[in-house]
Amino acid sequence: MSGTYTLFGRKGCGSAIVAAALKLTRLPYHYQEVDEADCPERERLLKLNPLGQVPVLLLPDGTVMTETAAILVLLHLRWPLAGLIPSSDGGHLPVFLRWIMVINAQIYPSFTYGDQPQKWLPGVENPKVLTDTTDGLRKKLWLQIEAAADANGPWFFGATFCALDIYIAVMHHWRPGPVWFAEYAPRLEAIAKNVARHPRLEALFREQFG
């Protein structure tokens, strides 16, 4: 579809995953940074997504898309040459679908609860217990993904790049953080570094994470 896409995001957040995917396509897009504080961009975001969460992708025809995985599926359908999703040949697709759903359905939302435990455990004396338990679950899930990654790299599926590599590269900056990944999930840490050095993504990752 012709026209310019608009991505609403925040530095270092999940919107970086969509921004990286867009960089790998030839689809024209405009990035709109949305601050946490009240601002005109924040008001516009709330009109598009009442939850106030990013990423939000506004399509050229005015359609609003949320949910990172859904956005990536759409971008793949519109620009398959970017290789965001493996083809059905070779056996990678079922594995990709499994782990991309683990990330989106289990790891990703754990931050929703762990980052603001007092919101979900009002009146509890030590709401931080929710942060501790979600952090622990997240580590266990990342270790499962580590074990499934190709031992030789450079990508999760060896020589085949896909959106799973982008997720790993962005999310390894979040808790438990790069130091933990370097010690306990070196395959994923190596993937993250390789993505950050990708010639079409290097500037974006430098801008997002320094």
Protein backbone atom coordinates (compact mmCIF):
# COMPACT_ATOMS: atom_id res chain seq x y z
CA MET A 1 0.00 0.00 0.00
CA SER A 2 1.39 3.41 -0.98
CA GLY A 3 1.66 6.27 1.50
CA THR A 4 3.54 7.01 4.68
CA TYR A 5 3.19 5.05 7.92
CA THR A 6 3.40 6.81 11.29
CA LEU A 7 4.96 5.01 14.25
CA PHE A 8 4.28 6.33 17.74
CA GLY A 9 6.89 5.20 20.22
CA ARG A 10 9.22 5.91 23.12
CA LYS A 11 12.97 5.57 23.18
CA GLY A 12 14.12 2.15 24.34
CA CYS A 13 10.60 0.71 24.44
CA GLY A 14 8.90 -1.99 22.38
CA SER A 15 8.35 0.51 19.60
CA ALA A 16 12.05 0.00 18.79
CA ILE A 17 11.14 -3.49 17.56
CA VAL A 18 8.67 -2.07 15.05
CA ALA A 19 11.05 0.73 14.07
CA ALA A 20 13.74 -1.85 13.29
CA ALA A 21 11.29 -3.89 11.23
CA LEU A 22 10.28 -0.80 9.28
CA LYS A 23 13.94 -0.02 8.62
CA LEU A 24 14.29 -3.42 6.97
CA THR A 25 11.37 -2.79 4.65
CA ARG A 26 11.13 -0.16 1.94
CA LEU A 27 7.92 1.21 3.41
CA PRO A 28 8.11 4.98 4.07
CA TYR A 29 7.41 5.92 7.66
CA HIS A 30 7.51 8.82 10.08
CA TYR A 31 8.50 8.30 13.71
CA GLN A 32 6.72 10.24 16.43
CA GLU A 33 8.32 10.21 19.87
CA VAL A 34 5.76 10.30 22.69
CA ASP A 35 6.95 11.51 26.07
CA GLU A 36 5.57 10.13 29.30
CA ALA A 37 4.44 13.61 30.36
CA ASP A 38 1.44 15.45 28.99
CA CYS A 39 2.14 16.72 25.49
CA PRO A 40 0.25 17.11 22.20
CA GLU A 41 1.75 13.85 20.94
CA ARG A 42 0.51 12.05 24.06
CA GLU A 43 -3.01 13.35 23.49
CA ARG A 44 -2.93 12.15 19.90
CA LEU A 45 -1.67 8.74 21.03
CA LEU A 46 -4.52 8.40 23.52
CA LYS A 47 -7.03 9.12 20.78
CA LEU A 48 -5.54 6.32 18.70
CA ASN A 49 -4.98 3.90 21.60
CA PRO A 50 -6.85 4.70 24.84
CA LEU A 51 -4.42 2.48 26.76
CA GLY A 52 -1.69 4.97 25.96
CA GLN A 53 0.73 2.18 25.11
CA VAL A 54 3.30 2.10 22.34
CA PRO A 55 3.93 1.00 19.68
CA VAL A 56 1.02 2.33 17.69
CA LEU A 57 1.29 2.21 13.92
CA LEU A 58 -0.98 4.47 11.91
CA LEU A 59 -1.35 3.05 8.41
CA PRO A 60 -1.54 5.26 5.31
CA ASP A 61 -5.30 4.69 5.05
CA GLY A 62 -5.84 5.79 8.66
CA THR A 63 -6.18 2.30 10.16
CA VAL A 64 -4.72 2.05 13.67
CA MET A 65 -2.62 -0.96 14.62
CA THR A 66 -1.38 -1.93 18.07
CA GLU A 67 0.36 -5.08 19.38
CA THR A 68 3.90 -5.57 18.18
CA ALA A 69 3.46 -9.08 16.82
CA ALA A 70 0.37 -8.10 14.81
CA ILE A 71 2.22 -5.14 13.34
CA LEU A 72 5.15 -7.33 12.31
CA VAL A 73 2.84 -9.80 10.58
CA LEU A 74 1.31 -6.95 8.59
CA LEU A 75 4.72 -5.55 7.65
CA HIS A 76 5.83 -9.01 6.55
CA LEU A 77 2.77 -9.39 4.35
CA ARG A 78 3.35 -6.00 2.78
CA TRP A 79 7.13 -6.40 2.35
CA PRO A 80 8.08 -10.09 2.55
CA LEU A 81 11.54 -9.44 1.13
CA ALA A 82 12.55 -8.05 4.52
CA GLY A 83 12.47 -11.62 5.84
CA LEU A 84 10.75 -10.76 9.11
CA ILE A 85 8.99 -14.14 9.22
CA PRO A 86 10.62 -17.35 7.96
CA SER A 87 9.09 -19.07 4.97
CA SER A 88 7.18 -22.32 5.39
CA ASP A 89 10.12 -24.17 3.79
CA GLY A 90 12.94 -25.50 5.93
CA GLY A 91 11.15 -26.03 9.22
CA HIS A 92 11.87 -22.65 10.82
CA LEU A 93 8.31 -21.29 10.74
CA PRO A 94 6.77 -23.52 13.47
CA VAL A 95 9.70 -22.81 15.80
CA PHE A 96 9.48 -19.10 15.04
CA LEU A 97 5.76 -19.03 15.82
CA ARG A 98 6.30 -20.88 19.08
CA TRP A 99 8.93 -18.55 20.49
CA ILE A 100 7.45 -15.34 19.14
CA MET A 101 4.24 -16.23 20.99
CA VAL A 102 6.15 -17.05 24.18
CA ILE A 103 7.79 -13.65 24.00
CA ASN A 104 4.57 -11.77 23.28
CA ALA A 105 2.21 -13.74 25.50
CA GLN A 106 4.46 -14.44 28.50
CA ILE A 107 7.68 -12.42 28.60
CA TYR A 108 6.46 -9.12 27.21
CA PRO A 109 3.41 -8.71 29.51
CA SER A 110 5.41 -9.66 32.60
CA PHE A 111 6.75 -6.10 32.56
CA THR A 112 3.20 -4.75 32.73
CA TYR A 113 2.81 -6.33 36.16
CA GLY A 114 6.38 -6.33 37.42
CA ASP A 115 7.13 -2.69 36.63
CA GLN A 116 4.22 -1.38 38.73
CA PRO A 117 3.48 -4.07 41.32
CA GLN A 118 1.62 -1.69 43.63
CA LYS A 119 -0.94 -1.11 40.87
CA TRP A 120 -1.83 -4.81 40.76
CA LEU A 121 -1.39 -5.57 44.47
CA PRO A 122 -3.01 -2.56 46.17
CA GLY A 123 -2.77 -2.60 49.93
CA VAL A 124 -0.21 -5.40 49.99
CA GLU A 125 2.64 -4.70 52.39
CA ASN A 126 5.36 -5.80 49.99
CA PRO A 127 4.08 -5.52 46.40
CA LYS A 128 7.66 -5.90 45.13
CA VAL A 129 7.16 -9.66 45.48
CA LEU A 130 5.31 -9.46 42.15
CA THR A 131 8.37 -7.87 40.54
CA ASP A 132 10.60 -10.60 41.95
CA THR A 133 8.38 -13.45 40.77
CA THR A 134 7.84 -12.03 37.27
CA ASP A 135 11.57 -11.38 36.95
CA GLY A 136 12.22 -15.00 37.91
CA LEU A 137 9.73 -16.33 35.38
CA ARG A 138 11.26 -14.14 32.68
CA LYS A 139 14.72 -15.57 33.30
CA LYS A 140 13.41 -19.14 33.03
CA LEU A 141 11.72 -18.36 29.71
CA TRP A 142 14.79 -16.64 28.28
CA LEU A 143 16.88 -19.69 29.22
CA GLN A 144 14.48 -21.87 27.22
CA ILE A 145 14.88 -19.57 24.22
CA GLU A 146 18.65 -19.58 24.71
CA ALA A 147 18.69 -23.38 24.52
CA ALA A 148 16.68 -23.29 21.28
CA ALA A 149 18.96 -20.78 19.52
CA ASP A 150 21.49 -21.95 16.98
CA ALA A 151 24.82 -22.49 18.72
CA ASN A 152 26.85 -21.05 15.85
CA GLY A 153 24.79 -17.95 15.03
CA PRO A 154 24.92 -15.28 13.90
CA TRP A 155 21.10 -15.36 14.18
CA PHE A 156 18.59 -17.42 16.11
CA PHE A 157 18.19 -19.70 13.08
CA GLY A 158 21.85 -19.67 12.15
CA ALA A 159 22.21 -18.07 8.74
CA THR A 160 18.54 -17.02 8.53
CA PHE A 161 17.60 -13.63 9.97
CA CYS A 162 14.06 -12.98 11.23
CA ALA A 163 12.02 -10.76 13.55
CA LEU A 164 12.88 -13.00 16.49
CA ASP A 165 16.40 -11.60 16.32
CA ILE A 166 15.00 -8.06 16.57
CA TYR A 167 12.97 -8.94 19.66
CA ILE A 168 16.06 -10.41 21.32
CA ALA A 169 18.20 -7.38 20.45
CA VAL A 170 15.72 -4.91 21.92
CA MET A 171 14.53 -6.88 24.93
CA HIS A 172 17.97 -7.92 26.14
CA HIS A 173 18.32 -4.28 27.26
CA TRP A 174 15.41 -4.78 29.67
CA ARG A 175 15.44 -6.71 32.95
CA PRO A 176 17.36 -8.86 33.67
CA GLY A 177 19.67 -6.83 31.39
CA PRO A 178 22.78 -7.31 29.25
CA VAL A 179 25.03 -8.41 32.12
CA TRP A 180 22.68 -11.30 32.94
CA PHE A 181 22.36 -12.25 29.26
CA ALA A 182 26.13 -12.23 28.80
CA GLU A 183 26.53 -14.68 31.70
CA TYR A 184 23.50 -16.94 31.35
CA ALA A 185 22.33 -16.55 27.75
CA PRO A 186 25.46 -15.92 25.65
CA ARG A 187 23.82 -17.05 22.40
CA LEU A 188 21.09 -14.44 22.81
CA GLU A 189 23.63 -11.81 23.84
CA ALA A 190 25.63 -12.53 20.67
CA ILE A 191 22.47 -12.24 18.56
CA ALA A 192 21.68 -8.89 20.18
CA LYS A 193 25.14 -7.57 19.39
CA ASN A 194 24.94 -8.79 15.80
CA VAL A 195 21.59 -7.08 15.26
CA ALA A 196 22.94 -3.84 16.73
CA ARG A 197 25.76 -4.00 14.17
CA HIS A 198 23.44 -4.67 11.23
CA PRO A 199 24.24 -2.00 8.61
CA ARG A 200 20.60 -0.95 8.30
CA LEU A 201 19.92 -1.02 12.03
CA GLU A 202 23.13 0.23 13.62
CA ALA A 203 22.10 3.91 13.70
CA LEU A 204 18.67 3.06 15.10
CA PHE A 205 20.07 0.96 17.96
CA ARG A 206 22.65 3.61 18.77
CA GLU A 207 19.85 6.19 18.94
CA GLN A 208 17.56 3.96 21.00
CA PHE A 209 20.07 2.53 23.48
CA GLY A 210 23.23 4.63 23.23
